[in-house]
Protein backbone atom coordinates (compact mmCIF):
# COMPACT_ATOMS: atom_id res chain seq x y z
CA UNK A 1 -78.81 -23.14 -28.04
CA UNK A 2 -77.61 -23.02 -24.63
CA UNK A 3 -76.26 -26.36 -25.08
CA UNK A 4 -74.15 -25.11 -28.57
CA UNK A 5 -72.68 -22.39 -26.26
CA UNK A 6 -71.65 -24.68 -23.58
CA UNK A 7 -69.79 -26.48 -26.39
CA UNK A 8 -68.21 -23.36 -28.40
CA UNK A 9 -66.86 -21.94 -24.96
CA UNK A 10 -65.30 -25.56 -24.08
CA UNK A 11 -64.29 -25.83 -27.21
CA UNK A 12 -62.31 -22.21 -27.11
CA UNK A 13 -60.99 -22.99 -23.73
CA UNK A 14 -59.58 -26.31 -24.93
CA UNK A 15 -57.62 -24.54 -28.26
CA UNK A 16 -56.42 -21.81 -26.08
CA UNK A 17 -54.67 -24.24 -23.56
CA UNK A 18 -53.24 -26.36 -26.46
CA UNK A 19 -51.91 -23.03 -28.02
CA UNK A 20 -50.28 -21.82 -24.94
CA UNK A 21 -47.03 -22.89 -24.18
CA UNK A 22 -44.78 -26.07 -25.30
CA UNK A 23 -43.71 -29.33 -23.97
CA UNK A 24 -42.39 -27.95 -20.92
CA UNK A 25 -38.63 -28.82 -21.17
CA UNK A 26 -37.45 -25.73 -23.30
CA UNK A 27 -34.26 -24.80 -21.93
CA UNK A 28 -30.31 -25.23 -21.69
CA UNK A 29 -28.95 -28.64 -20.74
CA UNK A 30 -25.64 -29.99 -19.64
CA UNK A 31 -24.35 -33.27 -20.74
CA UNK A 32 -23.07 -35.97 -18.83
CA UNK A 33 -22.34 -40.05 -18.83
CA UNK A 34 -23.83 -42.24 -16.65
CA UNK A 35 -22.70 -46.11 -16.70
CA UNK A 36 -22.65 -49.19 -14.88
CA UNK A 37 -19.05 -49.64 -16.36
CA UNK A 38 -17.73 -46.31 -16.01
CA UNK A 39 -13.85 -47.69 -16.88
CA UNK A 40 -14.70 -49.26 -20.37
CA UNK A 41 -12.72 -47.12 -23.35
CA UNK A 42 -16.43 -46.72 -24.87
CA UNK A 43 -17.42 -44.63 -21.70
CA UNK A 44 -14.33 -42.78 -21.20
CA UNK A 45 -14.83 -41.77 -24.89
CA UNK A 46 -18.44 -40.89 -24.58
CA UNK A 47 -17.47 -38.59 -21.12
CA UNK A 48 -14.87 -36.93 -23.60
CA UNK A 49 -17.76 -36.05 -25.97
CA UNK A 50 -20.15 -34.87 -23.42
CA UNK A 51 -17.59 -32.91 -21.68
CA UNK A 52 -18.67 -29.07 -22.05
CA UNK A 53 -21.21 -30.06 -24.66
CA UNK A 54 -24.51 -27.96 -24.34
CA UNK A 55 -27.79 -28.83 -25.36
CA UNK A 56 -30.39 -26.37 -26.24
CA UNK A 57 -33.88 -27.38 -26.45
CA UNK A 58 -36.78 -25.03 -27.78
CA UNK A 59 -40.66 -25.58 -28.60
CA UNK A 60 -39.84 -27.24 -31.91
CA UNK A 61 -36.07 -27.21 -32.09
CA UNK A 62 -32.96 -28.84 -30.76
CA UNK A 63 -29.35 -27.41 -30.55
CA UNK A 64 -26.01 -29.09 -30.51
CA UNK A 65 -22.47 -28.12 -31.15
CA UNK A 66 -23.82 -25.28 -32.99
CA UNK A 67 -26.22 -27.38 -35.10
CA UNK A 68 -29.84 -26.55 -34.80
CA UNK A 69 -32.54 -29.03 -36.00
CA UNK A 70 -36.05 -28.65 -36.10
CA UNK A 71 -38.84 -30.71 -35.62
CA UNK A 72 -42.73 -31.64 -36.57
CA UNK A 73 -43.51 -31.76 -32.68
CA UNK A 74 -41.54 -32.20 -29.53
CA UNK A 75 -43.93 -33.64 -26.83
CA UNK A 76 -44.28 -35.74 -23.94
CA UNK A 77 -45.61 -39.44 -24.07
CA UNK A 78 -45.85 -42.27 -21.46
CA UNK A 79 -44.65 -45.47 -22.16
CA UNK A 80 -44.91 -48.33 -19.49
CA UNK A 81 -45.42 -46.18 -16.65
CA UNK A 82 -42.21 -44.01 -17.70
CA UNK A 83 -42.51 -40.57 -19.24
CA UNK A 84 -40.47 -39.70 -22.52
CA UNK A 85 -39.61 -36.53 -24.19
CA UNK A 86 -40.69 -37.35 -27.82
CA UNK A 87 -38.81 -35.28 -30.98
CA UNK A 88 -40.78 -36.33 -34.14
CA UNK A 89 -39.18 -35.50 -37.28
CA UNK A 90 -40.88 -34.43 -40.33
CA UNK A 91 -40.94 -38.19 -41.96
CA UNK A 92 -42.54 -39.21 -38.42
CA UNK A 93 -39.15 -40.66 -37.03
CA UNK A 94 -39.32 -40.24 -33.20
CA UNK A 95 -36.33 -40.01 -30.97
CA UNK A 96 -37.14 -40.35 -27.18
CA UNK A 97 -35.28 -39.21 -24.04
CA UNK A 98 -36.73 -40.58 -20.77
CA UNK A 99 -37.43 -37.78 -18.35
CA UNK A 100 -35.79 -38.36 -14.93
CA UNK A 101 -37.38 -35.48 -13.31
CA UNK A 102 -38.31 -32.07 -14.44
CA UNK A 103 -34.58 -31.14 -14.72
CA UNK A 104 -33.06 -34.21 -16.17
CA UNK A 105 -33.56 -36.33 -19.29
CA UNK A 106 -31.50 -39.57 -20.31
CA UNK A 107 -30.75 -40.89 -23.68
CA UNK A 108 -30.01 -44.78 -23.48
CA UNK A 109 -26.78 -45.44 -25.55
CA UNK A 110 -26.12 -48.99 -24.99
CA UNK A 111 -27.58 -51.28 -22.65
CA UNK A 112 -25.18 -50.13 -19.46
CA UNK A 113 -24.75 -46.57 -20.75
CA UNK A 114 -26.66 -43.31 -21.07
CA UNK A 115 -26.21 -39.47 -21.93
CA UNK A 116 -27.91 -37.69 -18.63
CA UNK A 117 -29.03 -33.91 -19.59
CA UNK A 118 -29.22 -31.62 -16.65
CA UNK A 119 -31.05 -28.29 -17.28
CA UNK A 120 -29.27 -25.41 -16.15
């Protein structure tokens, strides 16, 4: 009986920890561009797109340019010693944003260019 109560208590604690909080990256982010070739026309175009662009991440959505997209799940995953914020759609398609630190995400666009999202 005592073992059953321990297992029950552990299950309740685990479920309550799972239920509280999201992925930890909810907030408003400012967009910029990082590139090893900053003078290319493509990078200049991308910088123009990123200028004044705000990205809002919620516990189950992302909003940019007034359009809100909902996700089945947003979670953190480790791949090859790097952490990624993973946006999983209902059809199981995934988009991965590299976690640079607690306030910055990186979305690789090309081999030498990435959008950087910095938390406000």
